[in-house]
C-alpha atoms as a PDB file:
ATOM      1  CA  UNK A   1     -21.576 -12.069  -1.065  1.00  0.00           C
ATOM      2  CA  UNK A   2     -20.757  -9.810   1.867  1.00  0.00           C
ATOM      3  CA  UNK A   3     -22.895  -6.776   2.616  1.00  0.00           C
ATOM      4  CA  UNK A   4     -21.641  -3.761   4.526  1.00  0.00           C
ATOM      5  CA  UNK A   5     -23.225  -0.497   5.617  1.00  0.00           C
ATOM      6  CA  UNK A   6     -22.270   2.711   3.829  1.00  0.00           C
ATOM      7  CA  UNK A   7     -20.499   5.020   6.301  1.00  0.00           C
ATOM      8  CA  UNK A   8     -22.142   8.044   4.664  1.00  0.00           C
ATOM      9  CA  UNK A   9     -25.840   7.077   4.470  1.00  0.00           C
ATOM     10  CA  UNK A  10     -26.079   3.696   6.237  1.00  0.00           C
ATOM     11  CA  UNK A  11     -27.499   1.925   3.165  1.00  0.00           C
ATOM     12  CA  UNK A  12     -26.683  -1.742   2.550  1.00  0.00           C
ATOM     13  CA  UNK A  13     -23.939  -2.186  -0.038  1.00  0.00           C
ATOM     14  CA  UNK A  14     -22.353  -5.284  -1.558  1.00  0.00           C
ATOM     15  CA  UNK A  15     -18.591  -5.269  -0.879  1.00  0.00           C
ATOM     16  CA  UNK A  16     -17.873  -5.515  -4.628  1.00  0.00           C
ATOM     17  CA  UNK A  17     -19.126  -1.947  -5.183  1.00  0.00           C
ATOM     18  CA  UNK A  18     -16.705   0.951  -5.221  1.00  0.00           C
ATOM     19  CA  UNK A  19     -19.439   3.547  -4.658  1.00  0.00           C
ATOM     20  CA  UNK A  20     -22.641   3.452  -2.616  1.00  0.00           C
ATOM     21  CA  UNK A  21     -25.604   2.973  -4.975  1.00  0.00           C
ATOM     22  CA  UNK A  22     -27.778   5.070  -2.631  1.00  0.00           C
ATOM     23  CA  UNK A  23     -25.678   8.205  -2.064  1.00  0.00           C
ATOM     24  CA  UNK A  24     -22.665   7.742  -4.412  1.00  0.00           C
ATOM     25  CA  UNK A  25     -20.137   7.991  -1.552  1.00  0.00           C
ATOM     26  CA  UNK A  26     -16.824   6.281  -2.345  1.00  0.00           C
ATOM     27  CA  UNK A  27     -16.501   3.017  -0.426  1.00  0.00           C
ATOM     28  CA  UNK A  28     -12.777   2.544  -0.928  1.00  0.00           C
ATOM     29  CA  UNK A  29     -10.057   5.089  -0.613  1.00  0.00           C
ATOM     30  CA  UNK A  30      -6.847   4.416  -2.450  1.00  0.00           C
ATOM     31  CA  UNK A  31      -4.142   6.164  -4.411  1.00  0.00           C
ATOM     32  CA  UNK A  32      -2.790   4.478  -7.541  1.00  0.00           C
ATOM     33  CA  UNK A  33       0.309   5.110  -9.645  1.00  0.00           C
ATOM     34  CA  UNK A  34       1.409   3.248 -12.793  1.00  0.00           C
ATOM     35  CA  UNK A  35       5.052   2.950 -13.812  1.00  0.00           C
ATOM     36  CA  UNK A  36       6.115   1.757 -17.276  1.00  0.00           C
ATOM     37  CA  UNK A  37       8.723  -0.974 -17.353  1.00  0.00           C
ATOM     38  CA  UNK A  38      12.341  -0.732 -18.431  1.00  0.00           C
ATOM     39  CA  UNK A  39      12.677  -1.617 -22.165  1.00  0.00           C
ATOM     40  CA  UNK A  40      13.981  -5.108 -21.281  1.00  0.00           C
ATOM     41  CA  UNK A  41      10.565  -5.769 -19.685  1.00  0.00           C
ATOM     42  CA  UNK A  42       8.554  -4.277 -22.562  1.00  0.00           C
ATOM     43  CA  UNK A  43       4.829  -4.890 -22.360  1.00  0.00           C
ATOM     44  CA  UNK A  44       4.731  -4.807 -18.570  1.00  0.00           C
ATOM     45  CA  UNK A  45       3.929  -2.157 -15.998  1.00  0.00           C
ATOM     46  CA  UNK A  46       4.120  -1.777 -12.237  1.00  0.00           C
ATOM     47  CA  UNK A  47       1.068  -0.542 -10.367  1.00  0.00           C
ATOM     48  CA  UNK A  48       1.454   0.705  -6.797  1.00  0.00           C
ATOM     49  CA  UNK A  49      -1.783   1.105  -4.839  1.00  0.00           C
ATOM     50  CA  UNK A  50      -1.923   2.675  -1.384  1.00  0.00           C
ATOM     51  CA  UNK A  51      -5.126   1.726   0.455  1.00  0.00           C
ATOM     52  CA  UNK A  52      -6.279   4.309   2.980  1.00  0.00           C
ATOM     53  CA  UNK A  53      -9.093   2.364   4.630  1.00  0.00           C
ATOM     54  CA  UNK A  54      -9.367   0.545   7.961  1.00  0.00           C
ATOM     55  CA  UNK A  55      -6.616  -1.858   6.817  1.00  0.00           C
ATOM     56  CA  UNK A  56      -3.957   0.496   5.399  1.00  0.00           C
ATOM     57  CA  UNK A  57      -1.411  -1.194   3.158  1.00  0.00           C
ATOM     58  CA  UNK A  58       0.452  -0.794  -0.105  1.00  0.00           C
ATOM     59  CA  UNK A  59       0.037  -3.281  -2.946  1.00  0.00           C
ATOM     60  CA  UNK A  60       2.590  -3.757  -5.724  1.00  0.00           C
ATOM     61  CA  UNK A  61       1.339  -5.528  -8.850  1.00  0.00           C
ATOM     62  CA  UNK A  62       2.871  -6.384 -12.217  1.00  0.00           C
ATOM     63  CA  UNK A  63       0.604  -6.093 -15.264  1.00  0.00           C
ATOM     64  CA  UNK A  64       1.086  -7.419 -18.784  1.00  0.00           C
ATOM     65  CA  UNK A  65       0.236  -5.729 -22.081  1.00  0.00           C
ATOM     66  CA  UNK A  66      -3.283  -7.234 -22.092  1.00  0.00           C
ATOM     67  CA  UNK A  67      -4.134  -5.667 -18.728  1.00  0.00           C
ATOM     68  CA  UNK A  68      -3.854  -8.929 -16.783  1.00  0.00           C
ATOM     69  CA  UNK A  69      -2.144  -9.072 -13.400  1.00  0.00           C
ATOM     70  CA  UNK A  70       0.836 -11.418 -13.398  1.00  0.00           C
ATOM     71  CA  UNK A  71       1.639 -11.122  -9.698  1.00  0.00           C
ATOM     72  CA  UNK A  72       1.027  -8.952  -6.665  1.00  0.00           C
ATOM     73  CA  UNK A  73       2.134  -8.509  -3.091  1.00  0.00           C
ATOM     74  CA  UNK A  74       0.893  -6.278  -0.287  1.00  0.00           C
ATOM     75  CA  UNK A  75       3.076  -4.789   2.427  1.00  0.00           C
ATOM     76  CA  UNK A  76       2.066  -3.006   5.601  1.00  0.00           C
ATOM     77  CA  UNK A  77       2.602   0.706   6.174  1.00  0.00           C
ATOM     78  CA  UNK A  78       5.947   0.269   7.958  1.00  0.00           C
ATOM     79  CA  UNK A  79       7.369  -1.806   5.096  1.00  0.00           C
ATOM     80  CA  UNK A  80       6.055   0.679   2.523  1.00  0.00           C
ATOM     81  CA  UNK A  81       7.755   3.507   4.424  1.00  0.00           C
ATOM     82  CA  UNK A  82      10.965   1.499   4.504  1.00  0.00           C
ATOM     83  CA  UNK A  83      10.772   0.917   0.731  1.00  0.00           C
ATOM     84  CA  UNK A  84      10.173   4.632   0.110  1.00  0.00           C
ATOM     85  CA  UNK A  85      13.155   5.548   2.272  1.00  0.00           C
ATOM     86  CA  UNK A  86      15.356   3.149   0.322  1.00  0.00           C
ATOM     87  CA  UNK A  87      14.298   4.749  -2.981  1.00  0.00           C
ATOM     88  CA  UNK A  88      14.963   8.225  -1.576  1.00  0.00           C
ATOM     89  CA  UNK A  89      18.481   7.195  -0.497  1.00  0.00           C
ATOM     90  CA  UNK A  90      19.237   5.814  -3.981  1.00  0.00           C
ATOM     91  CA  UNK A  91      17.955   9.015  -5.615  1.00  0.00           C
ATOM     92  CA  UNK A  92      20.073  11.135  -3.270  1.00  0.00           C
ATOM     93  CA  UNK A  93      23.173   9.007  -3.940  1.00  0.00           C
ATOM     94  CA  UNK A  94      22.562   9.347  -7.704  1.00  0.00           C
ATOM     95  CA  UNK A  95      22.165  13.125  -7.433  1.00  0.00           C
ATOM     96  CA  UNK A  96      25.346  13.454  -5.374  1.00  0.00           C
ATOM     97  CA  UNK A  97      27.216  11.355  -7.922  1.00  0.00           C
ATOM     98  CA  UNK A  98      26.135  13.749 -10.669  1.00  0.00           C
ATOM     99  CA  UNK A  99      27.462  16.734  -8.717  1.00  0.00           C
ATOM    100  CA  UNK A 100      30.875  15.574  -8.389  1.00  0.00           C
END
């Protein structure tokens, strides 16, 4: 068990907690999006979590229909930006193809 100090109130908090039990300040900052799978991968979903703490990274995880993680990988901010740029290029190419 690792104990850390809450940045808001200074109280001791076990690292497993998401909120400080003393002042209710959030201890982790992250953004999460879920994406349903293509029909050929029915029963699965992709979760993308962007962690905004002292170790910023993006985590991609695949979940099954029972809510269990089947696999996950984290990438650093530069790789996440690269992945986002690749998706934007594909979307732009698709849109241009629709125009003509």
